[in-house]
Amino acid sequence: MNRREKRRLKREEKLRKAYERLAEGGRFARWKNERPFWGGVLSILSALVILYIPLHLYAIAFIPGTFVFIGFLFGGLLLILGIFSLIYPQFSTVFGVIVIFLSVLSIMGALGGFLIGTILGIVSGSLLVGWERHEVDLSGFGPGAGGSRKGEPASSVPDAGTGSLQA
C-alpha cells in the first residue's frame, strides 16, 4: 500500500465517522436542526431584555399618560412569538416579520431594553425570516459508496444548499 492509498483510506474513514455522527445525532441535536433554533432563542432573550424596564416600573405602569404598559405588551408578545417559532417552525417567516416590527416599536414603551433588546430582536427576526428547511441528500455519502473517478475519495460531503426545500 503506497502513501496515496493510505491518505485516501484515511479520508474515507474520516468521512465515514462524520456520516455516522450525523446519522446518529442525539435527540436534541435532531430537534434543534429541524427548526430556527437561534432565531427563537434570541427572540426570547430580546423579549426578556425588553421586559426588564417595565418590570422595574410596574408601580406606574397603569397610570394614565404613561406608556409602560406598552412595554409589557410588546415584551410579552415577543416572548410568545419566540416560543411559538420553536414550536411551529413552518411559520418562522411570519413570526420573524412580527418580531422585527415589535422590536422596533418597543422603543416607544420600554426604550427597547436600552436598545439592546431592539437590536437582538431585529437580528433574531432576521434569522427567523431567513430560515429554510433543507433536506440533505446523503445517498452518495456513507459506508460502501464508491467514488466516480480514480483517486477521488469514496464519499464526498454534500453541499448544504443543494437539498430539496421542504415547507
N, C-alpha and C. Protein backbone atom coordinates (compact mmCIF):
# COMPACT_ATOMS: atom_id res chain seq x y z
N MET A 1 0.85 -1.17 0.00
CA MET A 1 0.00 0.00 0.00
C MET A 1 0.90 1.24 0.00
N ASN A 2 0.71 2.06 -1.01
CA ASN A 2 1.55 3.26 -1.09
C ASN A 2 0.93 4.40 -0.29
N ARG A 3 1.63 5.53 -0.29
CA ARG A 3 1.23 6.68 0.52
C ARG A 3 -0.11 7.27 0.07
N ARG A 4 -0.34 7.30 -1.23
CA ARG A 4 -1.59 7.87 -1.76
C ARG A 4 -2.80 7.04 -1.32
N GLU A 5 -2.67 5.74 -1.37
CA GLU A 5 -3.78 4.88 -0.94
C GLU A 5 -4.04 5.01 0.56
N LYS A 6 -2.99 5.17 1.35
CA LYS A 6 -3.17 5.36 2.79
C LYS A 6 -3.91 6.65 3.08
N ARG A 7 -3.56 7.73 2.35
CA ARG A 7 -4.27 9.00 2.54
C ARG A 7 -5.73 8.88 2.14
N ARG A 8 -5.97 8.18 1.03
CA ARG A 8 -7.35 8.01 0.57
C ARG A 8 -8.17 7.21 1.58
N LEU A 9 -7.60 6.15 2.12
CA LEU A 9 -8.30 5.35 3.13
C LEU A 9 -8.53 6.15 4.40
N LYS A 10 -7.58 6.98 4.77
CA LYS A 10 -7.73 7.81 5.96
C LYS A 10 -8.86 8.82 5.78
N ARG A 11 -8.93 9.42 4.57
CA ARG A 11 -10.02 10.35 4.27
C ARG A 11 -11.37 9.65 4.29
N GLU A 12 -11.43 8.45 3.71
CA GLU A 12 -12.68 7.69 3.70
C GLU A 12 -13.14 7.36 5.12
N GLU A 13 -12.20 6.98 5.98
CA GLU A 13 -12.53 6.66 7.35
C GLU A 13 -13.04 7.91 8.09
N LYS A 14 -12.42 9.04 7.84
CA LYS A 14 -12.84 10.30 8.46
C LYS A 14 -14.25 10.68 8.01
N LEU A 15 -14.54 10.53 6.72
CA LEU A 15 -15.87 10.84 6.21
C LEU A 15 -16.91 9.86 6.73
N ARG A 16 -16.52 8.61 6.88
CA ARG A 16 -17.45 7.60 7.41
C ARG A 16 -17.83 7.94 8.86
N LYS A 17 -16.84 8.36 9.66
CA LYS A 17 -17.12 8.75 11.04
C LYS A 17 -18.01 9.98 11.10
N ALA A 18 -17.78 10.94 10.21
CA ALA A 18 -18.64 12.13 10.16
C ALA A 18 -20.06 11.76 9.78
N TYR A 19 -20.21 10.82 8.84
CA TYR A 19 -21.54 10.37 8.44
C TYR A 19 -22.26 9.70 9.60
N GLU A 20 -21.56 8.86 10.34
CA GLU A 20 -22.18 8.18 11.48
C GLU A 20 -22.59 9.18 12.55
N ARG A 21 -21.75 10.21 12.76
CA ARG A 21 -22.08 11.23 13.75
C ARG A 21 -23.33 12.00 13.34
N LEU A 22 -23.47 12.28 12.03
CA LEU A 22 -24.67 12.96 11.55
C LEU A 22 -25.90 12.07 11.65
N ALA A 23 -25.74 10.82 11.26
CA ALA A 23 -26.88 9.90 11.23
C ALA A 23 -27.35 9.52 12.63
N GLU A 24 -26.43 9.47 13.58
CA GLU A 24 -26.79 9.03 14.91
C GLU A 24 -26.72 10.17 15.92
N GLY A 25 -27.06 11.39 15.49
CA GLY A 25 -27.04 12.54 16.40
C GLY A 25 -28.05 12.35 17.52
N GLY A 26 -27.86 13.08 18.60
CA GLY A 26 -28.77 12.97 19.73
C GLY A 26 -30.14 13.54 19.41
N ARG A 27 -31.08 13.29 20.30
CA ARG A 27 -32.45 13.77 20.08
C ARG A 27 -32.52 15.29 20.06
N PHE A 28 -31.77 15.93 20.97
CA PHE A 28 -31.81 17.39 20.99
C PHE A 28 -31.19 17.98 19.73
N ALA A 29 -30.10 17.40 19.26
CA ALA A 29 -29.46 17.90 18.04
C ALA A 29 -30.39 17.77 16.84
N ARG A 30 -31.09 16.66 16.74
CA ARG A 30 -32.04 16.49 15.64
C ARG A 30 -33.21 17.46 15.76
N TRP A 31 -33.72 17.67 16.98
CA TRP A 31 -34.82 18.62 17.19
C TRP A 31 -34.36 20.02 16.85
N LYS A 32 -33.17 20.40 17.28
CA LYS A 32 -32.64 21.74 17.06
C LYS A 32 -32.42 22.01 15.57
N ASN A 33 -31.99 21.02 14.82
CA ASN A 33 -31.71 21.20 13.40
C ASN A 33 -32.96 21.25 12.54
N GLU A 34 -34.12 20.94 13.10
CA GLU A 34 -35.36 20.95 12.33
C GLU A 34 -36.15 22.24 12.50
N ARG A 35 -35.58 23.24 13.17
CA ARG A 35 -36.31 24.48 13.43
C ARG A 35 -35.33 25.65 13.52
N PRO A 36 -35.86 26.88 13.46
CA PRO A 36 -34.99 28.06 13.55
C PRO A 36 -34.57 28.31 15.00
N PHE A 37 -33.68 27.48 15.51
CA PHE A 37 -33.35 27.46 16.92
C PHE A 37 -32.78 28.79 17.41
N TRP A 38 -31.75 29.31 16.74
CA TRP A 38 -31.10 30.53 17.22
C TRP A 38 -31.99 31.75 17.05
N GLY A 39 -32.81 31.78 16.03
CA GLY A 39 -33.76 32.88 15.89
C GLY A 39 -34.76 32.89 17.03
N GLY A 40 -35.27 31.73 17.40
CA GLY A 40 -36.22 31.63 18.50
C GLY A 40 -35.60 31.96 19.85
N VAL A 41 -34.40 31.45 20.09
CA VAL A 41 -33.73 31.70 21.37
C VAL A 41 -33.38 33.18 21.52
N LEU A 42 -32.88 33.80 20.45
CA LEU A 42 -32.55 35.22 20.52
C LEU A 42 -33.79 36.10 20.66
N SER A 43 -34.91 35.69 20.08
CA SER A 43 -36.12 36.49 20.25
C SER A 43 -36.65 36.37 21.69
N ILE A 44 -36.51 35.22 22.31
CA ILE A 44 -36.87 35.07 23.73
C ILE A 44 -35.95 35.94 24.59
N LEU A 45 -34.67 35.93 24.28
CA LEU A 45 -33.72 36.76 25.02
C LEU A 45 -34.02 38.25 24.85
N SER A 46 -34.34 38.67 23.63
CA SER A 46 -34.67 40.08 23.40
C SER A 46 -35.95 40.46 24.14
N ALA A 47 -36.91 39.54 24.23
CA ALA A 47 -38.14 39.82 24.97
C ALA A 47 -37.84 40.02 26.46
N LEU A 48 -36.95 39.21 27.00
CA LEU A 48 -36.61 39.37 28.41
C LEU A 48 -35.87 40.68 28.67
N VAL A 49 -35.01 41.07 27.73
CA VAL A 49 -34.31 42.35 27.88
C VAL A 49 -35.29 43.51 27.77
N ILE A 50 -36.24 43.41 26.85
CA ILE A 50 -37.24 44.47 26.68
C ILE A 50 -38.17 44.54 27.88
N LEU A 51 -38.50 43.41 28.48
CA LEU A 51 -39.37 43.39 29.66
C LEU A 51 -38.68 43.89 30.92
N TYR A 52 -37.37 44.05 30.90
CA TYR A 52 -36.63 44.46 32.08
C TYR A 52 -37.09 45.82 32.62
N ILE A 53 -37.24 46.79 31.74
CA ILE A 53 -37.63 48.14 32.17
C ILE A 53 -39.07 48.18 32.68
N PRO A 54 -40.05 47.65 31.97
CA PRO A 54 -41.42 47.69 32.50
C PRO A 54 -41.57 46.94 33.82
N LEU A 55 -40.79 45.88 34.03
CA LEU A 55 -40.90 45.16 35.29
C LEU A 55 -40.41 46.01 36.46
N HIS A 56 -39.45 46.89 36.22
CA HIS A 56 -38.97 47.76 37.29
C HIS A 56 -39.84 49.01 37.46
N LEU A 57 -40.68 49.28 36.50
CA LEU A 57 -41.58 50.43 36.58
C LEU A 57 -43.04 50.00 36.75
N TYR A 58 -43.25 48.81 37.30
CA TYR A 58 -44.62 48.29 37.39
C TYR A 58 -45.53 49.17 38.25
N ALA A 59 -44.97 49.94 39.18
CA ALA A 59 -45.79 50.78 40.06
C ALA A 59 -46.52 51.88 39.28
N ILE A 60 -45.92 52.34 38.19
CA ILE A 60 -46.56 53.40 37.42
C ILE A 60 -47.07 52.90 36.07
N ALA A 61 -47.13 51.58 35.92
CA ALA A 61 -47.45 51.00 34.60
C ALA A 61 -48.83 51.39 34.10
N PHE A 62 -49.81 51.50 34.97
CA PHE A 62 -51.17 51.73 34.51
C PHE A 62 -51.70 53.12 34.87
N ILE A 63 -50.81 54.02 35.18
CA ILE A 63 -51.21 55.41 35.40
C ILE A 63 -51.48 56.03 34.04
N PRO A 64 -52.58 56.73 33.90
CA PRO A 64 -52.88 57.34 32.59
C PRO A 64 -51.76 58.30 32.16
N GLY A 65 -51.41 58.21 30.90
CA GLY A 65 -50.39 59.07 30.34
C GLY A 65 -49.02 58.42 30.25
N THR A 66 -48.85 57.23 30.83
CA THR A 66 -47.56 56.53 30.70
C THR A 66 -47.70 55.44 29.65
N PHE A 67 -46.58 55.10 29.05
CA PHE A 67 -46.57 54.06 28.02
C PHE A 67 -45.88 52.79 28.50
N VAL A 68 -45.75 52.62 29.80
CA VAL A 68 -45.06 51.45 30.34
C VAL A 68 -45.83 50.17 30.03
N PHE A 69 -47.17 50.24 30.01
CA PHE A 69 -47.94 49.03 29.72
C PHE A 69 -47.67 48.54 28.30
N ILE A 70 -47.27 49.43 27.38
CA ILE A 70 -46.91 49.00 26.02
C ILE A 70 -45.64 48.16 26.06
N GLY A 71 -44.74 48.48 26.98
CA GLY A 71 -43.55 47.65 27.16
C GLY A 71 -43.90 46.24 27.58
N PHE A 72 -44.89 46.12 28.51
CA PHE A 72 -45.37 44.80 28.91
C PHE A 72 -45.99 44.06 27.72
N LEU A 73 -46.79 44.78 26.95
CA LEU A 73 -47.47 44.18 25.81
C LEU A 73 -46.48 43.68 24.76
N PHE A 74 -45.55 44.55 24.35
CA PHE A 74 -44.60 44.18 23.30
C PHE A 74 -43.62 43.11 23.78
N GLY A 75 -43.15 43.23 25.02
CA GLY A 75 -42.25 42.22 25.57
C GLY A 75 -42.92 40.86 25.68
N GLY A 76 -44.18 40.86 26.14
CA GLY A 76 -44.92 39.60 26.24
C GLY A 76 -45.18 38.97 24.88
N LEU A 77 -45.54 39.80 23.91
CA LEU A 77 -45.77 39.27 22.56
C LEU A 77 -44.48 38.71 21.96
N LEU A 78 -43.37 39.39 22.18
CA LEU A 78 -42.08 38.87 21.69
C LEU A 78 -41.74 37.54 22.34
N LEU A 79 -42.01 37.42 23.61
CA LEU A 79 -41.75 36.16 24.31
C LEU A 79 -42.60 35.03 23.73
N ILE A 80 -43.87 35.31 23.51
CA ILE A 80 -44.77 34.30 22.93
C ILE A 80 -44.34 33.93 21.51
N LEU A 81 -43.96 34.92 20.72
CA LEU A 81 -43.52 34.64 19.34
C LEU A 81 -42.23 33.83 19.32
N GLY A 82 -41.32 34.10 20.24
CA GLY A 82 -40.09 33.31 20.32
C GLY A 82 -40.37 31.85 20.64
N ILE A 83 -41.28 31.63 21.57
CA ILE A 83 -41.65 30.25 21.92
C ILE A 83 -42.38 29.58 20.76
N PHE A 84 -43.31 30.30 20.13
CA PHE A 84 -44.04 29.73 19.00
C PHE A 84 -43.15 29.44 17.81
N SER A 85 -42.09 30.22 17.61
CA SER A 85 -41.20 29.95 16.49
C SER A 85 -40.45 28.64 16.69
N LEU A 86 -40.25 28.25 17.93
CA LEU A 86 -39.62 26.95 18.19
C LEU A 86 -40.61 25.81 18.09
N ILE A 87 -41.87 26.08 18.39
CA ILE A 87 -42.89 25.03 18.33
C ILE A 87 -43.43 24.84 16.91
N TYR A 88 -43.64 25.96 16.19
CA TYR A 88 -44.19 25.91 14.84
C TYR A 88 -43.18 26.50 13.85
N PRO A 89 -42.17 25.73 13.44
CA PRO A 89 -41.13 26.29 12.56
C PRO A 89 -41.63 26.62 11.16
N GLN A 90 -42.75 26.07 10.74
CA GLN A 90 -43.26 26.35 9.40
C GLN A 90 -43.74 27.79 9.25
N PHE A 91 -44.00 28.47 10.36
CA PHE A 91 -44.46 29.86 10.32
C PHE A 91 -43.35 30.84 10.69
N SER A 92 -42.10 30.42 10.55
CA SER A 92 -40.99 31.25 11.03
C SER A 92 -40.88 32.57 10.28
N THR A 93 -41.26 32.61 9.01
CA THR A 93 -41.18 33.87 8.26
C THR A 93 -42.15 34.90 8.81
N VAL A 94 -43.37 34.50 9.07
CA VAL A 94 -44.37 35.41 9.62
C VAL A 94 -43.96 35.87 11.01
N PHE A 95 -43.51 34.91 11.83
CA PHE A 95 -43.07 35.27 13.18
C PHE A 95 -41.89 36.22 13.13
N GLY A 96 -40.98 36.02 12.19
CA GLY A 96 -39.81 36.89 12.07
C GLY A 96 -40.17 38.32 11.73
N VAL A 97 -41.11 38.49 10.82
CA VAL A 97 -41.54 39.85 10.45
C VAL A 97 -42.19 40.53 11.64
N ILE A 98 -43.03 39.81 12.38
CA ILE A 98 -43.69 40.39 13.54
C ILE A 98 -42.68 40.70 14.64
N VAL A 99 -41.67 39.85 14.82
CA VAL A 99 -40.64 40.09 15.84
C VAL A 99 -39.87 41.37 15.51
N ILE A 100 -39.50 41.56 14.25
CA ILE A 100 -38.79 42.78 13.87
C ILE A 100 -39.67 44.01 14.12
N PHE A 101 -40.91 43.93 13.74
CA PHE A 101 -41.86 45.03 13.91
C PHE A 101 -42.02 45.39 15.39
N LEU A 102 -42.26 44.39 16.23
CA LEU A 102 -42.45 44.65 17.66
C LEU A 102 -41.17 45.12 18.33
N SER A 103 -40.04 44.64 17.87
CA SER A 103 -38.76 45.07 18.46
C SER A 103 -38.52 46.55 18.21
N VAL A 104 -38.81 46.99 17.00
CA VAL A 104 -38.63 48.42 16.69
C VAL A 104 -39.65 49.26 17.46
N LEU A 105 -40.87 48.79 17.56
CA LEU A 105 -41.89 49.54 18.29
C LEU A 105 -41.67 49.54 19.80
N SER A 106 -40.89 48.60 20.31
CA SER A 106 -40.67 48.54 21.76
C SER A 106 -39.85 49.72 22.26
N ILE A 107 -39.24 50.46 21.36
CA ILE A 107 -38.51 51.67 21.76
C ILE A 107 -39.47 52.64 22.42
N MET A 108 -40.70 52.66 21.96
CA MET A 108 -41.70 53.60 22.47
C MET A 108 -42.10 53.27 23.91
N GLY A 109 -42.30 52.02 24.25
CA GLY A 109 -42.83 51.69 25.56
C GLY A 109 -41.82 51.21 26.56
N ALA A 110 -40.68 50.71 26.11
CA ALA A 110 -39.72 50.15 27.06
C ALA A 110 -38.30 50.57 26.74
N LEU A 111 -38.15 51.61 25.95
CA LEU A 111 -36.84 52.08 25.48
C LEU A 111 -36.08 50.98 24.75
N GLY A 112 -36.82 50.00 24.26
CA GLY A 112 -36.21 48.90 23.53
C GLY A 112 -35.22 48.11 24.36
N GLY A 113 -35.40 48.08 25.66
CA GLY A 113 -34.45 47.40 26.51
C GLY A 113 -33.09 48.06 26.42
N PHE A 114 -33.08 49.39 26.50
CA PHE A 114 -31.87 50.19 26.32
C PHE A 114 -31.24 49.93 24.96
N LEU A 115 -32.07 49.73 23.96
CA LEU A 115 -31.72 49.45 22.56
C LEU A 115 -31.05 48.10 22.36
N ILE A 116 -30.62 47.45 23.41
CA ILE A 116 -30.02 46.12 23.27
C ILE A 116 -31.10 45.12 22.87
N GLY A 117 -32.27 45.21 23.49
CA GLY A 117 -33.38 44.33 23.14
C GLY A 117 -33.86 44.55 21.72
N THR A 118 -33.85 45.81 21.27
CA THR A 118 -34.26 46.10 19.89
C THR A 118 -33.29 45.48 18.90
N ILE A 119 -32.02 45.63 19.14
CA ILE A 119 -31.01 45.07 18.22
C ILE A 119 -31.09 43.54 18.22
N LEU A 120 -31.22 42.94 19.41
CA LEU A 120 -31.38 41.49 19.46
C LEU A 120 -32.65 41.04 18.75
N GLY A 121 -33.72 41.81 18.89
CA GLY A 121 -34.97 41.46 18.22
C GLY A 121 -34.87 41.56 16.71
N ILE A 122 -34.17 42.56 16.21
CA ILE A 122 -34.00 42.70 14.76
C ILE A 122 -33.15 41.55 14.22
N VAL A 123 -32.09 41.20 14.94
CA VAL A 123 -31.24 40.09 14.49
C VAL A 123 -32.01 38.77 14.54
N SER A 124 -32.75 38.53 15.63
CA SER A 124 -33.49 37.27 15.72
C SER A 124 -34.62 37.20 14.70
N GLY A 125 -35.29 38.33 14.45
CA GLY A 125 -36.31 38.34 13.41
C GLY A 125 -35.73 38.05 12.04
N SER A 126 -34.54 38.58 11.78
CA SER A 126 -33.88 38.31 10.50
C SER A 126 -33.51 36.83 10.38
N LEU A 127 -33.06 36.24 11.48
CA LEU A 127 -32.76 34.80 11.45
C LEU A 127 -34.02 33.97 11.22
N LEU A 128 -35.12 34.40 11.79
CA LEU A 128 -36.38 33.68 11.59
C LEU A 128 -36.88 33.82 10.15
N VAL A 129 -36.76 35.01 9.59
CA VAL A 129 -37.21 35.22 8.20
C VAL A 129 -36.33 34.43 7.24
N GLY A 130 -35.04 34.40 7.49
CA GLY A 130 -34.11 33.75 6.56
C GLY A 130 -34.03 32.25 6.69
N TRP A 131 -34.66 31.67 7.69
CA TRP A 131 -34.54 30.23 7.91
C TRP A 131 -35.38 29.46 6.89
N GLU A 132 -34.78 28.42 6.32
CA GLU A 132 -35.48 27.50 5.43
C GLU A 132 -35.11 26.09 5.83
N ARG A 133 -36.05 25.21 5.68
CA ARG A 133 -35.78 23.81 5.99
C ARG A 133 -35.27 23.12 4.74
N HIS A 134 -34.08 22.54 4.85
CA HIS A 134 -33.48 21.80 3.74
C HIS A 134 -33.35 20.34 4.13
N GLU A 135 -33.63 19.50 3.16
CA GLU A 135 -33.39 18.08 3.35
C GLU A 135 -32.15 17.73 2.55
N VAL A 136 -31.12 17.28 3.22
CA VAL A 136 -29.85 17.00 2.57
C VAL A 136 -29.86 15.56 2.07
N ASP A 137 -29.46 15.37 0.82
CA ASP A 137 -29.40 14.04 0.22
C ASP A 137 -28.08 13.39 0.61
N LEU A 138 -28.16 12.32 1.39
CA LEU A 138 -26.96 11.62 1.83
C LEU A 138 -26.80 10.28 1.12
N SER A 139 -27.43 10.12 -0.05
CA SER A 139 -27.39 8.82 -0.71
C SER A 139 -25.98 8.44 -1.15
N GLY A 140 -25.17 9.39 -1.61
CA GLY A 140 -23.81 9.07 -2.04
C GLY A 140 -22.80 9.26 -0.93
N PHE A 141 -23.28 9.29 0.29
CA PHE A 141 -22.42 9.62 1.41
C PHE A 141 -22.59 8.55 2.48
N GLY A 142 -21.57 7.79 2.71
CA GLY A 142 -21.66 6.79 3.75
C GLY A 142 -20.82 5.59 3.42
N PRO A 143 -20.87 4.58 4.25
CA PRO A 143 -20.08 3.39 4.03
C PRO A 143 -20.51 2.66 2.76
N GLY A 144 -19.54 2.26 1.98
CA GLY A 144 -19.83 1.50 0.78
C GLY A 144 -20.13 2.32 -0.46
N ALA A 145 -20.14 3.61 -0.37
CA ALA A 145 -20.40 4.45 -1.54
C ALA A 145 -19.11 4.57 -2.34
N GLY A 146 -19.18 4.28 -3.61
CA GLY A 146 -17.98 4.31 -4.45
C GLY A 146 -17.77 5.66 -5.09
N GLY A 147 -16.50 6.03 -5.30
CA GLY A 147 -16.17 7.29 -5.95
C GLY A 147 -16.37 7.18 -7.45
N SER A 148 -16.51 8.31 -8.13
CA SER A 148 -16.78 8.29 -9.56
C SER A 148 -15.50 8.34 -10.39
N ARG A 149 -14.40 8.87 -9.86
CA ARG A 149 -13.16 8.95 -10.60
C ARG A 149 -12.05 8.31 -9.80
N LYS A 150 -11.03 7.91 -10.50
CA LYS A 150 -9.89 7.31 -9.85
C LYS A 150 -9.17 8.37 -9.02
N GLY A 151 -8.83 8.05 -7.78
CA GLY A 151 -8.13 8.98 -6.93
C GLY A 151 -9.06 9.87 -6.12
N GLU A 152 -10.36 9.82 -6.43
CA GLU A 152 -11.33 10.62 -5.68
C GLU A 152 -11.78 9.83 -4.46
N PRO A 153 -12.00 10.48 -3.34
CA PRO A 153 -12.47 9.74 -2.17
C PRO A 153 -13.82 9.06 -2.44
N ALA A 154 -14.05 8.00 -1.72
CA ALA A 154 -15.27 7.22 -1.95
C ALA A 154 -16.52 8.03 -1.63
N SER A 155 -16.42 8.95 -0.72
CA SER A 155 -17.58 9.75 -0.33
C SER A 155 -17.19 11.21 -0.35
N SER A 156 -18.15 12.04 -0.65
CA SER A 156 -17.90 13.47 -0.58
C SER A 156 -19.04 14.11 0.20
N VAL A 157 -18.72 15.15 0.93
CA VAL A 157 -19.73 15.83 1.74
C VAL A 157 -20.67 16.57 0.82
N PRO A 158 -21.99 16.35 0.93
CA PRO A 158 -22.92 17.05 0.05
C PRO A 158 -23.01 18.52 0.39
N ASP A 159 -23.29 19.32 -0.62
CA ASP A 159 -23.44 20.76 -0.41
C ASP A 159 -24.76 21.01 0.29
N ALA A 160 -24.73 21.81 1.34
CA ALA A 160 -25.93 22.06 2.13
C ALA A 160 -27.00 22.80 1.35
N GLY A 161 -26.61 23.54 0.31
CA GLY A 161 -27.58 24.33 -0.45
C GLY A 161 -28.27 23.54 -1.54
N THR A 162 -27.90 22.28 -1.77
CA THR A 162 -28.49 21.53 -2.86
C THR A 162 -29.65 20.64 -2.42
N GLY A 163 -29.99 20.66 -1.16
CA GLY A 163 -31.10 19.82 -0.70
C GLY A 163 -32.43 20.35 -1.21
N SER A 164 -33.41 19.48 -1.17
CA SER A 164 -34.73 19.90 -1.63
C SER A 164 -35.43 20.70 -0.53
N LEU A 165 -36.13 21.73 -0.92
CA LEU A 165 -36.81 22.58 0.04
C LEU A 165 -38.07 21.88 0.52
N GLN A 166 -38.22 21.87 1.83
CA GLN A 166 -39.39 21.23 2.40
C GLN A 166 -40.13 22.25 3.22
N ALA A 167 -41.38 22.51 2.91
CA ALA A 167 -42.14 23.58 3.59
C ALA A 167 -42.67 23.14 4.90
